[in-house]
């Protein structure tokens, strides 16, 4: 089931790294990037399944807890910053340095 794959793969992303909806979907063997977002929106296992570490491919933070702005997204930004991710506005800085590659696992 895709939901289980998404959660299992996401647990591999360590603190201080991020992945994208696209890379996570590809690691699960699908191209359903939006479906991955919908699965994460309902993540009952947070924070052990760290959905806050999933961002958009362009570095934008994206949504969190089913919201695309407001206190939920602010919470995601705060969580990422606590892990050492530099955020400018609502975009992760140095994306190539912090991007987790599932290929190394």
N, C-alpha and C. Protein backbone atom coordinates (compact mmCIF):
# COMPACT_ATOMS: atom_id res chain seq x y z
N UNK A 1 0.85 -1.18 0.00
CA UNK A 1 0.00 0.00 0.00
C UNK A 1 0.89 1.25 0.00
N UNK A 2 0.54 2.23 -0.80
CA UNK A 2 1.36 3.44 -0.95
C UNK A 2 1.55 4.17 0.37
N UNK A 3 0.52 4.24 1.16
CA UNK A 3 0.62 4.95 2.44
C UNK A 3 1.75 4.38 3.29
N UNK A 4 1.80 3.08 3.42
CA UNK A 4 2.84 2.44 4.22
C UNK A 4 4.23 2.69 3.65
N UNK A 5 4.36 2.63 2.32
CA UNK A 5 5.65 2.90 1.67
C UNK A 5 6.12 4.32 1.95
N UNK A 6 5.20 5.27 1.84
CA UNK A 6 5.54 6.67 2.07
C UNK A 6 6.07 6.86 3.49
N UNK A 7 5.38 6.32 4.47
CA UNK A 7 5.80 6.47 5.86
C UNK A 7 7.14 5.78 6.11
N UNK A 8 7.33 4.60 5.56
CA UNK A 8 8.59 3.87 5.76
C UNK A 8 9.77 4.61 5.13
N UNK A 9 9.59 5.08 3.91
CA UNK A 9 10.67 5.82 3.24
C UNK A 9 10.97 7.13 3.95
N UNK A 10 9.94 7.81 4.40
CA UNK A 10 10.15 9.11 5.04
C UNK A 10 10.92 8.98 6.36
N UNK A 11 10.77 7.87 7.04
CA UNK A 11 11.51 7.66 8.29
C UNK A 11 13.02 7.61 8.06
N UNK A 12 13.45 7.43 6.81
CA UNK A 12 14.87 7.39 6.48
C UNK A 12 15.51 8.77 6.41
N UNK A 13 14.70 9.81 6.26
CA UNK A 13 15.22 11.18 6.10
C UNK A 13 15.65 11.70 7.48
N UNK A 14 16.95 11.93 7.67
CA UNK A 14 17.44 12.36 8.99
C UNK A 14 17.21 13.85 9.26
N UNK A 15 17.30 14.20 10.52
CA UNK A 15 17.25 15.62 10.90
C UNK A 15 18.36 16.36 10.17
N UNK A 16 18.06 17.58 9.74
CA UNK A 16 19.04 18.37 9.01
C UNK A 16 19.00 18.16 7.51
N UNK A 17 18.13 17.26 7.06
CA UNK A 17 17.95 17.00 5.64
C UNK A 17 16.47 17.15 5.31
N UNK A 18 16.17 17.37 4.03
CA UNK A 18 14.80 17.41 3.55
C UNK A 18 14.70 16.56 2.29
N UNK A 19 13.49 16.24 1.93
CA UNK A 19 13.23 15.60 0.65
C UNK A 19 12.07 16.36 0.01
N UNK A 20 11.73 15.98 -1.20
CA UNK A 20 10.61 16.63 -1.88
C UNK A 20 9.49 15.62 -2.07
N UNK A 21 8.31 16.13 -2.32
CA UNK A 21 7.17 15.25 -2.59
C UNK A 21 7.50 14.36 -3.79
N UNK A 22 8.14 14.93 -4.79
CA UNK A 22 8.49 14.19 -5.99
C UNK A 22 9.50 13.08 -5.70
N UNK A 23 10.59 13.41 -4.99
CA UNK A 23 11.60 12.39 -4.68
C UNK A 23 11.04 11.29 -3.80
N UNK A 24 10.18 11.66 -2.86
CA UNK A 24 9.57 10.66 -1.98
C UNK A 24 8.65 9.74 -2.79
N UNK A 25 7.89 10.31 -3.70
CA UNK A 25 7.02 9.49 -4.55
C UNK A 25 7.86 8.54 -5.40
N UNK A 26 8.92 9.06 -6.01
CA UNK A 26 9.79 8.21 -6.83
C UNK A 26 10.44 7.11 -6.01
N UNK A 27 10.83 7.41 -4.77
CA UNK A 27 11.43 6.39 -3.90
C UNK A 27 10.43 5.28 -3.58
N UNK A 28 9.14 5.62 -3.67
CA UNK A 28 8.08 4.64 -3.43
C UNK A 28 7.64 3.95 -4.72
N UNK A 29 8.27 4.32 -5.84
CA UNK A 29 7.97 3.68 -7.11
C UNK A 29 6.76 4.21 -7.84
N UNK A 30 6.35 5.45 -7.52
CA UNK A 30 5.18 6.05 -8.19
C UNK A 30 5.51 7.47 -8.65
N UNK A 31 4.61 8.02 -9.45
CA UNK A 31 4.74 9.42 -9.86
C UNK A 31 3.62 10.26 -9.25
N UNK A 32 2.96 9.72 -8.26
CA UNK A 32 1.80 10.37 -7.65
C UNK A 32 2.24 11.34 -6.55
N UNK A 33 2.86 12.45 -6.97
CA UNK A 33 3.41 13.42 -6.01
C UNK A 33 2.32 14.03 -5.14
N UNK A 34 1.21 14.35 -5.75
CA UNK A 34 0.11 14.95 -4.98
C UNK A 34 -0.49 13.95 -4.01
N UNK A 35 -0.53 12.70 -4.40
CA UNK A 35 -1.03 11.65 -3.48
C UNK A 35 -0.14 11.57 -2.25
N UNK A 36 1.16 11.71 -2.45
CA UNK A 36 2.09 11.71 -1.32
C UNK A 36 1.74 12.87 -0.38
N UNK A 37 1.48 14.02 -0.93
CA UNK A 37 1.09 15.18 -0.11
C UNK A 37 -0.17 14.91 0.68
N UNK A 38 -1.13 14.25 0.05
CA UNK A 38 -2.38 13.94 0.75
C UNK A 38 -2.15 12.93 1.88
N UNK A 39 -1.27 11.98 1.65
CA UNK A 39 -0.94 11.00 2.68
C UNK A 39 -0.28 11.70 3.86
N UNK A 40 0.65 12.59 3.58
CA UNK A 40 1.37 13.28 4.65
C UNK A 40 0.46 14.24 5.42
N UNK A 41 -0.51 14.77 4.74
CA UNK A 41 -1.47 15.69 5.36
C UNK A 41 -2.20 15.01 6.52
N UNK A 42 -2.33 13.70 6.43
CA UNK A 42 -3.06 12.93 7.45
C UNK A 42 -2.13 12.03 8.28
N UNK A 43 -0.87 12.37 8.35
CA UNK A 43 0.14 11.56 9.02
C UNK A 43 -0.17 11.38 10.51
N UNK A 44 -0.59 10.18 10.92
CA UNK A 44 -0.89 9.97 12.34
C UNK A 44 0.35 9.64 13.17
N UNK A 45 1.50 9.49 12.51
CA UNK A 45 2.71 9.05 13.20
C UNK A 45 3.73 10.15 13.46
N UNK A 46 3.36 11.38 13.18
CA UNK A 46 4.29 12.50 13.43
C UNK A 46 4.56 12.59 14.93
N UNK A 47 5.75 12.89 15.34
CA UNK A 47 6.93 13.26 14.56
C UNK A 47 7.84 12.08 14.21
N UNK A 48 7.50 10.83 14.62
CA UNK A 48 8.39 9.72 14.28
C UNK A 48 8.44 9.49 12.76
N UNK A 49 7.40 9.85 12.06
CA UNK A 49 7.43 9.92 10.59
C UNK A 49 7.45 11.42 10.28
N UNK A 50 8.64 11.96 10.00
CA UNK A 50 8.85 13.41 9.97
C UNK A 50 8.36 14.12 8.71
N UNK A 51 7.05 14.27 8.58
CA UNK A 51 6.49 14.89 7.38
C UNK A 51 6.92 16.35 7.23
N UNK A 52 7.39 16.97 8.30
CA UNK A 52 7.86 18.36 8.19
C UNK A 52 9.12 18.46 7.33
N UNK A 53 9.77 17.33 7.06
CA UNK A 53 11.00 17.33 6.25
C UNK A 53 10.72 17.19 4.76
N UNK A 54 9.46 17.27 4.36
CA UNK A 54 9.11 17.17 2.94
C UNK A 54 8.71 18.56 2.44
N UNK A 55 9.40 19.00 1.38
CA UNK A 55 9.14 20.32 0.82
C UNK A 55 8.91 20.20 -0.68
N UNK A 56 8.61 21.32 -1.31
CA UNK A 56 8.42 21.33 -2.77
C UNK A 56 9.77 21.27 -3.48
N UNK A 57 9.76 20.83 -4.70
CA UNK A 57 11.00 20.68 -5.49
C UNK A 57 11.74 22.00 -5.71
N UNK A 58 11.04 23.11 -5.66
CA UNK A 58 11.69 24.41 -5.86
C UNK A 58 12.22 25.00 -4.55
N UNK A 59 12.12 24.24 -3.45
CA UNK A 59 12.62 24.71 -2.17
C UNK A 59 11.57 25.37 -1.29
N UNK A 60 10.42 25.68 -1.86
CA UNK A 60 9.35 26.25 -1.04
C UNK A 60 8.91 25.24 0.01
N UNK A 61 8.55 25.74 1.15
CA UNK A 61 8.21 24.89 2.29
C UNK A 61 7.01 23.99 2.02
N UNK A 62 6.02 24.49 1.33
CA UNK A 62 4.82 23.69 1.09
C UNK A 62 3.91 23.73 2.30
N UNK A 63 2.96 22.83 2.32
CA UNK A 63 1.97 22.82 3.39
C UNK A 63 2.41 22.01 4.59
N UNK A 64 1.57 22.06 5.63
CA UNK A 64 1.81 21.29 6.84
C UNK A 64 0.51 21.15 7.60
N UNK A 65 0.25 19.94 8.02
CA UNK A 65 -0.95 19.63 8.80
C UNK A 65 -2.23 20.03 8.05
N UNK A 66 -2.20 19.88 6.74
CA UNK A 66 -3.38 20.17 5.93
C UNK A 66 -3.57 21.63 5.58
N UNK A 67 -2.64 22.48 5.96
CA UNK A 67 -2.75 23.92 5.69
C UNK A 67 -1.59 24.37 4.82
N UNK A 68 -1.82 25.40 4.03
CA UNK A 68 -0.76 25.94 3.17
C UNK A 68 -0.25 27.29 3.64
N UNK A 69 -0.80 27.79 4.72
CA UNK A 69 -0.33 29.04 5.33
C UNK A 69 -0.80 29.10 6.77
N UNK A 70 -0.29 30.08 7.48
CA UNK A 70 -0.72 30.28 8.86
C UNK A 70 0.18 29.58 9.86
N UNK A 71 -0.37 29.36 11.06
CA UNK A 71 0.43 28.84 12.17
C UNK A 71 0.98 27.45 11.91
N UNK A 72 0.29 26.66 11.09
CA UNK A 72 0.79 25.32 10.78
C UNK A 72 2.09 25.39 9.98
N UNK A 73 2.11 26.22 8.96
CA UNK A 73 3.32 26.37 8.15
C UNK A 73 4.42 27.03 8.97
N UNK A 74 4.06 27.97 9.83
CA UNK A 74 5.05 28.57 10.73
C UNK A 74 5.67 27.51 11.65
N UNK A 75 4.85 26.57 12.11
CA UNK A 75 5.36 25.48 12.95
C UNK A 75 6.34 24.61 12.16
N UNK A 76 6.02 24.31 10.90
CA UNK A 76 6.92 23.52 10.05
C UNK A 76 8.25 24.24 9.89
N UNK A 77 8.21 25.52 9.63
CA UNK A 77 9.43 26.32 9.47
C UNK A 77 10.25 26.28 10.75
N UNK A 78 9.59 26.44 11.89
CA UNK A 78 10.28 26.42 13.17
C UNK A 78 10.94 25.05 13.41
N UNK A 79 10.24 23.97 13.06
CA UNK A 79 10.79 22.62 13.24
C UNK A 79 12.02 22.42 12.36
N UNK A 80 11.94 22.88 11.12
CA UNK A 80 13.08 22.75 10.21
C UNK A 80 14.27 23.58 10.70
N UNK A 81 14.01 24.78 11.15
CA UNK A 81 15.08 25.64 11.67
C UNK A 81 15.76 24.99 12.88
N UNK A 82 14.97 24.36 13.75
CA UNK A 82 15.54 23.67 14.92
C UNK A 82 16.50 22.56 14.50
N UNK A 83 16.27 22.00 13.32
CA UNK A 83 17.12 20.93 12.80
C UNK A 83 18.28 21.46 11.97
N UNK A 84 18.42 22.78 11.90
CA UNK A 84 19.55 23.37 11.21
C UNK A 84 19.29 23.78 9.77
N UNK A 85 18.06 23.65 9.32
CA UNK A 85 17.71 24.06 7.95
C UNK A 85 17.56 25.58 7.94
N UNK A 86 18.21 26.24 7.00
CA UNK A 86 18.10 27.69 6.87
C UNK A 86 16.92 28.01 5.96
N UNK A 87 16.01 28.81 6.49
CA UNK A 87 14.81 29.19 5.75
C UNK A 87 14.84 30.70 5.54
N UNK A 88 14.64 31.11 4.30
CA UNK A 88 14.51 32.54 3.98
C UNK A 88 13.12 32.73 3.39
N UNK A 89 12.30 33.51 4.08
CA UNK A 89 10.91 33.64 3.69
C UNK A 89 10.24 32.30 3.95
N UNK A 90 9.77 31.67 2.93
CA UNK A 90 9.21 30.32 3.06
C UNK A 90 9.93 29.36 2.12
N UNK A 91 11.24 29.57 1.97
CA UNK A 91 12.03 28.75 1.07
C UNK A 91 13.30 28.26 1.76
N UNK A 92 13.61 26.97 1.57
CA UNK A 92 14.84 26.41 2.14
C UNK A 92 16.03 26.89 1.33
N UNK A 93 17.05 27.32 2.03
CA UNK A 93 18.27 27.80 1.39
C UNK A 93 19.23 26.62 1.23
N UNK A 94 20.09 26.68 0.21
CA UNK A 94 21.09 25.64 -0.05
C UNK A 94 20.44 24.26 -0.26
N UNK A 95 19.42 24.22 -1.07
CA UNK A 95 18.65 23.00 -1.26
C UNK A 95 19.51 21.81 -1.68
N UNK A 96 20.46 22.02 -2.56
CA UNK A 96 21.27 20.88 -3.02
C UNK A 96 22.10 20.29 -1.88
N UNK A 97 22.45 21.11 -0.90
CA UNK A 97 23.25 20.61 0.24
C UNK A 97 22.43 19.84 1.26
N UNK A 98 21.16 20.18 1.38
CA UNK A 98 20.32 19.56 2.42
C UNK A 98 19.37 18.49 1.89
N UNK A 99 19.36 18.29 0.57
CA UNK A 99 18.44 17.35 -0.03
C UNK A 99 18.89 15.91 0.21
N UNK A 100 18.00 15.12 0.77
CA UNK A 100 18.28 13.71 1.06
C UNK A 100 18.08 12.88 -0.19
N UNK A 101 19.04 12.03 -0.48
CA UNK A 101 18.95 11.14 -1.64
C UNK A 101 18.62 9.73 -1.17
N UNK A 102 17.49 9.23 -1.57
CA UNK A 102 17.12 7.86 -1.21
C UNK A 102 18.03 6.84 -1.87
N UNK A 103 18.77 7.27 -2.88
CA UNK A 103 19.65 6.35 -3.61
C UNK A 103 20.83 5.92 -2.75
N UNK A 104 21.15 6.69 -1.71
CA UNK A 104 22.30 6.34 -0.86
C UNK A 104 21.91 5.36 0.24
N UNK A 105 20.64 5.05 0.35
CA UNK A 105 20.17 4.16 1.41
C UNK A 105 20.14 2.73 0.94
